[in-house]
């Protein structure tokens, strides 16, 4: 999360989040679980880079409805919850 904090100084969409920042923090937490699992399964950072790039393209697009980033973040949260609940990775 700390890595993203400087973006609040210049990223207008971050600045407009308001209370949505709570969901953002939750999504970051579960996103890190998902990316950690992906790294453990692949042994490479390449899938993580691709995943994060696609995630950013979808969630930061000005051409998609405002609901899309929330839905995508919700999917990431559900995946993270699922992975935490798995007996072993």
C-alpha atoms as a PDB file:
ATOM      1  CA  UNK A   1       0.000   0.000   0.000  1.00  0.00           C
ATOM      2  CA  UNK A   2       2.835   2.394   0.835  1.00  0.00           C
ATOM      3  CA  UNK A   3       4.088   2.118  -2.733  1.00  0.00           C
ATOM      4  CA  UNK A   4       0.798   3.617  -3.983  1.00  0.00           C
ATOM      5  CA  UNK A   5       0.570   6.474  -1.454  1.00  0.00           C
ATOM      6  CA  UNK A   6       2.553   9.031  -3.514  1.00  0.00           C
ATOM      7  CA  UNK A   7      -0.085   8.718  -6.243  1.00  0.00           C
ATOM      8  CA  UNK A   8      -2.522  10.558  -3.971  1.00  0.00           C
ATOM      9  CA  UNK A   9      -0.450  13.711  -4.589  1.00  0.00           C
ATOM     10  CA  UNK A  10      -1.066  13.721  -8.356  1.00  0.00           C
ATOM     11  CA  UNK A  11      -3.670  11.117  -9.368  1.00  0.00           C
ATOM     12  CA  UNK A  12      -7.074  12.766  -9.549  1.00  0.00           C
ATOM     13  CA  UNK A  13      -8.991   9.486  -9.352  1.00  0.00           C
ATOM     14  CA  UNK A  14      -7.150   8.581  -6.132  1.00  0.00           C
ATOM     15  CA  UNK A  15      -7.892  12.011  -4.687  1.00  0.00           C
ATOM     16  CA  UNK A  16     -11.618  11.640  -5.454  1.00  0.00           C
ATOM     17  CA  UNK A  17     -11.956   8.250  -3.735  1.00  0.00           C
ATOM     18  CA  UNK A  18     -13.131   9.645  -0.417  1.00  0.00           C
ATOM     19  CA  UNK A  19     -14.386   6.780   1.727  1.00  0.00           C
ATOM     20  CA  UNK A  20     -13.768   4.476  -1.223  1.00  0.00           C
ATOM     21  CA  UNK A  21     -10.179   4.390  -0.030  1.00  0.00           C
ATOM     22  CA  UNK A  22     -11.291   1.753   2.506  1.00  0.00           C
ATOM     23  CA  UNK A  23     -12.292  -0.575  -0.336  1.00  0.00           C
ATOM     24  CA  UNK A  24      -9.058   0.310  -2.099  1.00  0.00           C
ATOM     25  CA  UNK A  25      -7.007  -0.793   0.935  1.00  0.00           C
ATOM     26  CA  UNK A  26      -8.999  -4.027   1.255  1.00  0.00           C
ATOM     27  CA  UNK A  27      -8.553  -4.690  -2.457  1.00  0.00           C
ATOM     28  CA  UNK A  28      -4.804  -4.065  -2.173  1.00  0.00           C
ATOM     29  CA  UNK A  29      -4.549  -6.544   0.683  1.00  0.00           C
ATOM     30  CA  UNK A  30      -6.369  -9.326  -1.134  1.00  0.00           C
ATOM     31  CA  UNK A  31      -4.637  -8.413  -4.384  1.00  0.00           C
ATOM     32  CA  UNK A  32      -1.315  -9.008  -2.658  1.00  0.00           C
ATOM     33  CA  UNK A  33      -2.581 -12.426  -1.536  1.00  0.00           C
ATOM     34  CA  UNK A  34      -3.573 -13.232  -5.122  1.00  0.00           C
ATOM     35  CA  UNK A  35      -0.262 -12.018  -6.556  1.00  0.00           C
ATOM     36  CA  UNK A  36       1.673 -13.909  -3.877  1.00  0.00           C
ATOM     37  CA  UNK A  37      -0.173 -17.094  -4.804  1.00  0.00           C
ATOM     38  CA  UNK A  38       0.445 -16.443  -8.492  1.00  0.00           C
ATOM     39  CA  UNK A  39       4.164 -16.017  -7.854  1.00  0.00           C
ATOM     40  CA  UNK A  40       4.343 -19.195  -5.767  1.00  0.00           C
ATOM     41  CA  UNK A  41       2.595 -21.162  -8.517  1.00  0.00           C
ATOM     42  CA  UNK A  42       4.560 -19.716 -11.430  1.00  0.00           C
ATOM     43  CA  UNK A  43       7.952 -19.011  -9.851  1.00  0.00           C
ATOM     44  CA  UNK A  44       8.217 -15.893 -11.989  1.00  0.00           C
ATOM     45  CA  UNK A  45       7.268 -12.226 -11.782  1.00  0.00           C
ATOM     46  CA  UNK A  46       6.199 -12.160 -15.457  1.00  0.00           C
ATOM     47  CA  UNK A  47       2.625 -13.385 -14.780  1.00  0.00           C
ATOM     48  CA  UNK A  48       2.375 -10.780 -11.988  1.00  0.00           C
ATOM     49  CA  UNK A  49       3.455  -7.996 -14.317  1.00  0.00           C
ATOM     50  CA  UNK A  50       0.925  -9.092 -16.935  1.00  0.00           C
ATOM     51  CA  UNK A  51      -1.859  -9.464 -14.363  1.00  0.00           C
ATOM     52  CA  UNK A  52      -1.181  -6.054 -12.837  1.00  0.00           C
ATOM     53  CA  UNK A  53      -0.991  -4.395 -16.259  1.00  0.00           C
ATOM     54  CA  UNK A  54      -4.329  -5.852 -17.349  1.00  0.00           C
ATOM     55  CA  UNK A  55      -5.878  -4.975 -13.985  1.00  0.00           C
ATOM     56  CA  UNK A  56      -4.691  -1.365 -14.309  1.00  0.00           C
ATOM     57  CA  UNK A  57      -5.935  -1.112 -17.897  1.00  0.00           C
ATOM     58  CA  UNK A  58      -9.396  -2.254 -16.856  1.00  0.00           C
ATOM     59  CA  UNK A  59      -9.733  -0.385 -13.583  1.00  0.00           C
ATOM     60  CA  UNK A  60      -8.167   2.900 -14.730  1.00  0.00           C
ATOM     61  CA  UNK A  61      -9.884   3.144 -18.111  1.00  0.00           C
ATOM     62  CA  UNK A  62     -11.868   6.294 -18.768  1.00  0.00           C
ATOM     63  CA  UNK A  63     -13.902   4.403 -21.382  1.00  0.00           C
ATOM     64  CA  UNK A  64     -15.605   1.943 -19.064  1.00  0.00           C
ATOM     65  CA  UNK A  65     -18.511   2.567 -16.673  1.00  0.00           C
ATOM     66  CA  UNK A  66     -17.585   3.585 -13.106  1.00  0.00           C
ATOM     67  CA  UNK A  67     -18.978   0.294 -11.814  1.00  0.00           C
ATOM     68  CA  UNK A  68     -16.329  -1.778 -13.622  1.00  0.00           C
ATOM     69  CA  UNK A  69     -13.407  -1.015 -11.247  1.00  0.00           C
ATOM     70  CA  UNK A  70     -15.597  -1.832  -8.251  1.00  0.00           C
ATOM     71  CA  UNK A  71     -16.694  -5.140  -9.761  1.00  0.00           C
ATOM     72  CA  UNK A  72     -13.148  -6.101 -10.750  1.00  0.00           C
ATOM     73  CA  UNK A  73     -11.862  -5.173  -7.287  1.00  0.00           C
ATOM     74  CA  UNK A  74     -14.671  -7.243  -5.763  1.00  0.00           C
ATOM     75  CA  UNK A  75     -13.569 -10.241  -7.830  1.00  0.00           C
ATOM     76  CA  UNK A  76      -9.973  -9.761  -6.626  1.00  0.00           C
ATOM     77  CA  UNK A  77     -11.191  -9.608  -3.017  1.00  0.00           C
ATOM     78  CA  UNK A  78     -13.239 -12.792  -3.437  1.00  0.00           C
ATOM     79  CA  UNK A  79     -10.237 -14.571  -5.002  1.00  0.00           C
ATOM     80  CA  UNK A  80      -8.014 -13.467  -2.127  1.00  0.00           C
ATOM     81  CA  UNK A  81     -10.535 -14.646   0.462  1.00  0.00           C
ATOM     82  CA  UNK A  82     -10.778 -17.986  -1.327  1.00  0.00           C
ATOM     83  CA  UNK A  83      -6.994 -18.380  -1.428  1.00  0.00           C
ATOM     84  CA  UNK A  84      -6.587 -17.525   2.256  1.00  0.00           C
ATOM     85  CA  UNK A  85      -9.178 -20.178   3.083  1.00  0.00           C
ATOM     86  CA  UNK A  86      -7.427 -22.900   1.081  1.00  0.00           C
ATOM     87  CA  UNK A  87      -5.604 -25.421   3.288  1.00  0.00           C
ATOM     88  CA  UNK A  88      -2.414 -25.169   1.233  1.00  0.00           C
ATOM     89  CA  UNK A  89      -1.240 -23.138  -1.674  1.00  0.00           C
END
